[in-house]
Amino acid sequence: MERFVKKFWTEEDGNTTIDWMVLTAGLVLLGAAVMASVGTTSQELADDTSGVIHALEPNTGV
């Protein structure tokens, strides 16, 4: 059993895959946090802008 544990801790196959998985998960969580904090405000701004655009009278002239 001791030999198995020692081999498990010293083996380096797959470490790069785990590093990339952790990095990717961190980036996904960072993106979700940014969207959670900015998403509502940007949607309100888009709605306000849309309201202003629809309130403008169309250009009738020259």
N, C-alpha and C. Protein backbone atom coordinates (compact mmCIF):
# COMPACT_ATOMS: atom_id res chain seq x y z
N MET A 1 0.82 -1.19 0.00
CA MET A 1 0.00 0.00 0.00
C MET A 1 0.87 1.26 0.00
N GLU A 2 1.94 1.23 0.75
CA GLU A 2 2.84 2.39 0.81
C GLU A 2 3.44 2.68 -0.56
N ARG A 3 3.78 1.63 -1.29
CA ARG A 3 4.34 1.78 -2.61
C ARG A 3 3.33 2.41 -3.58
N PHE A 4 2.06 2.01 -3.46
CA PHE A 4 1.01 2.58 -4.30
C PHE A 4 0.85 4.08 -4.02
N VAL A 5 0.83 4.47 -2.77
CA VAL A 5 0.67 5.88 -2.40
C VAL A 5 1.86 6.68 -2.88
N LYS A 6 3.06 6.15 -2.71
CA LYS A 6 4.27 6.86 -3.15
C LYS A 6 4.26 7.04 -4.67
N LYS A 7 3.85 6.00 -5.40
CA LYS A 7 3.78 6.09 -6.85
C LYS A 7 2.72 7.11 -7.28
N PHE A 8 1.58 7.12 -6.58
CA PHE A 8 0.51 8.06 -6.90
C PHE A 8 0.98 9.51 -6.74
N TRP A 9 1.69 9.82 -5.67
CA TRP A 9 2.12 11.19 -5.41
C TRP A 9 3.26 11.63 -6.32
N THR A 10 4.06 10.71 -6.82
CA THR A 10 5.20 11.10 -7.66
C THR A 10 4.88 11.07 -9.15
N GLU A 11 3.79 10.44 -9.53
CA GLU A 11 3.44 10.35 -10.95
C GLU A 11 2.95 11.71 -11.44
N GLU A 12 3.40 12.13 -12.62
CA GLU A 12 3.07 13.45 -13.13
C GLU A 12 2.19 13.40 -14.38
N ASP A 13 1.77 12.25 -14.82
CA ASP A 13 0.88 12.16 -15.98
C ASP A 13 -0.48 12.76 -15.62
N GLY A 14 -0.98 13.61 -16.48
CA GLY A 14 -2.29 14.20 -16.27
C GLY A 14 -2.28 15.52 -15.53
N ASN A 15 -1.14 15.93 -15.01
CA ASN A 15 -1.09 17.19 -14.26
C ASN A 15 -1.41 18.38 -15.16
N THR A 16 -0.97 18.36 -16.38
CA THR A 16 -1.24 19.46 -17.29
C THR A 16 -2.73 19.56 -17.59
N THR A 17 -3.38 18.43 -17.74
CA THR A 17 -4.82 18.43 -17.98
C THR A 17 -5.57 19.04 -16.81
N ILE A 18 -5.18 18.67 -15.62
CA ILE A 18 -5.83 19.21 -14.42
C ILE A 18 -5.58 20.71 -14.32
N ASP A 19 -4.37 21.16 -14.62
CA ASP A 19 -4.08 22.59 -14.59
C ASP A 19 -4.97 23.35 -15.56
N TRP A 20 -5.14 22.84 -16.78
CA TRP A 20 -5.98 23.51 -17.76
C TRP A 20 -7.44 23.49 -17.34
N MET A 21 -7.89 22.42 -16.73
CA MET A 21 -9.27 22.34 -16.26
C MET A 21 -9.53 23.36 -15.16
N VAL A 22 -8.60 23.50 -14.23
CA VAL A 22 -8.76 24.48 -13.15
C VAL A 22 -8.73 25.89 -13.71
N LEU A 23 -7.83 26.17 -14.64
CA LEU A 23 -7.75 27.49 -15.27
C LEU A 23 -9.04 27.81 -16.02
N THR A 24 -9.56 26.86 -16.78
CA THR A 24 -10.80 27.07 -17.52
C THR A 24 -11.98 27.29 -16.59
N ALA A 25 -12.06 26.51 -15.53
CA ALA A 25 -13.14 26.69 -14.56
C ALA A 25 -13.07 28.07 -13.91
N GLY A 26 -11.86 28.53 -13.61
CA GLY A 26 -11.70 29.86 -13.03
C GLY A 26 -12.16 30.95 -13.98
N LEU A 27 -11.83 30.81 -15.25
CA LEU A 27 -12.26 31.81 -16.24
C LEU A 27 -13.78 31.81 -16.43
N VAL A 28 -14.38 30.64 -16.41
CA VAL A 28 -15.84 30.56 -16.53
C VAL A 28 -16.50 31.22 -15.33
N LEU A 29 -16.00 30.95 -14.14
CA LEU A 29 -16.57 31.56 -12.94
C LEU A 29 -16.36 33.07 -12.94
N LEU A 30 -15.22 33.53 -13.42
CA LEU A 30 -14.97 34.97 -13.51
C LEU A 30 -15.96 35.61 -14.49
N GLY A 31 -16.18 34.98 -15.62
CA GLY A 31 -17.14 35.50 -16.59
C GLY A 31 -18.56 35.53 -16.02
N ALA A 32 -18.94 34.51 -15.27
CA ALA A 32 -20.27 34.49 -14.66
C ALA A 32 -20.40 35.60 -13.62
N ALA A 33 -19.35 35.85 -12.85
CA ALA A 33 -19.39 36.92 -11.85
C ALA A 33 -19.51 38.29 -12.50
N VAL A 34 -18.80 38.49 -13.59
CA VAL A 34 -18.88 39.77 -14.31
C VAL A 34 -20.28 39.96 -14.88
N MET A 35 -20.83 38.93 -15.49
CA MET A 35 -22.17 39.03 -16.06
C MET A 35 -23.23 39.26 -14.98
N ALA A 36 -23.04 38.66 -13.82
CA ALA A 36 -24.00 38.85 -12.73
C ALA A 36 -23.97 40.29 -12.22
N SER A 37 -22.81 40.89 -12.20
CA SER A 37 -22.71 42.25 -11.67
C SER A 37 -23.03 43.32 -12.71
N VAL A 38 -22.79 43.07 -13.98
CA VAL A 38 -22.98 44.08 -15.02
C VAL A 38 -24.24 43.83 -15.83
N GLY A 39 -24.73 42.62 -15.87
CA GLY A 39 -25.84 42.25 -16.74
C GLY A 39 -27.10 43.07 -16.53
N THR A 40 -27.53 43.23 -15.28
CA THR A 40 -28.76 43.96 -15.01
C THR A 40 -28.64 45.42 -15.41
N THR A 41 -27.54 46.04 -15.06
CA THR A 41 -27.34 47.45 -15.39
C THR A 41 -27.30 47.66 -16.89
N SER A 42 -26.62 46.81 -17.61
CA SER A 42 -26.54 46.98 -19.06
C SER A 42 -27.90 46.74 -19.71
N GLN A 43 -28.71 45.84 -19.18
CA GLN A 43 -30.06 45.61 -19.73
C GLN A 43 -30.94 46.83 -19.50
N GLU A 44 -30.83 47.45 -18.32
CA GLU A 44 -31.60 48.67 -18.05
C GLU A 44 -31.17 49.80 -18.99
N LEU A 45 -29.89 49.94 -19.23
CA LEU A 45 -29.39 50.96 -20.14
C LEU A 45 -29.90 50.72 -21.56
N ALA A 46 -29.90 49.48 -21.99
CA ALA A 46 -30.40 49.15 -23.33
C ALA A 46 -31.90 49.45 -23.44
N ASP A 47 -32.66 49.14 -22.40
CA ASP A 47 -34.10 49.43 -22.41
C ASP A 47 -34.36 50.94 -22.46
N ASP A 48 -33.60 51.71 -21.68
CA ASP A 48 -33.76 53.17 -21.69
C ASP A 48 -33.41 53.74 -23.06
N THR A 49 -32.33 53.26 -23.64
CA THR A 49 -31.91 53.73 -24.96
C THR A 49 -32.97 53.40 -26.01
N SER A 50 -33.52 52.21 -25.93
CA SER A 50 -34.57 51.80 -26.87
C SER A 50 -35.79 52.69 -26.74
N GLY A 51 -36.15 53.03 -25.51
CA GLY A 51 -37.29 53.92 -25.28
C GLY A 51 -37.07 55.29 -25.87
N VAL A 52 -35.86 55.83 -25.73
CA VAL A 52 -35.55 57.14 -26.29
C VAL A 52 -35.60 57.10 -27.82
N ILE A 53 -35.08 56.07 -28.40
CA ILE A 53 -35.06 55.95 -29.87
C ILE A 53 -36.49 55.86 -30.40
N HIS A 54 -37.33 55.07 -29.73
CA HIS A 54 -38.73 54.93 -30.19
C HIS A 54 -39.52 56.21 -29.97
N ALA A 55 -39.11 57.03 -29.00
CA ALA A 55 -39.83 58.29 -28.72
C ALA A 55 -39.49 59.37 -29.75
N LEU A 56 -38.38 59.25 -30.43
CA LEU A 56 -38.01 60.24 -31.43
C LEU A 56 -38.94 60.16 -32.63
N GLU A 57 -39.29 61.31 -33.14
CA GLU A 57 -40.12 61.31 -34.34
C GLU A 57 -39.23 61.00 -35.54
N PRO A 58 -39.75 60.28 -36.49
CA PRO A 58 -38.95 59.99 -37.68
C PRO A 58 -38.64 61.28 -38.45
N ASN A 59 -37.53 61.29 -39.08
CA ASN A 59 -37.09 62.44 -39.87
C ASN A 59 -37.97 62.54 -41.10
N THR A 60 -38.68 63.65 -41.19
CA THR A 60 -39.62 63.79 -42.30
C THR A 60 -39.08 64.59 -43.45
N GLY A 61 -37.89 65.06 -43.31
CA GLY A 61 -37.52 66.01 -44.32
C GLY A 61 -36.26 65.73 -45.06
N VAL A 62 -35.90 66.67 -45.59
CA VAL A 62 -34.87 66.90 -46.55
C VAL A 62 -33.59 66.24 -46.21
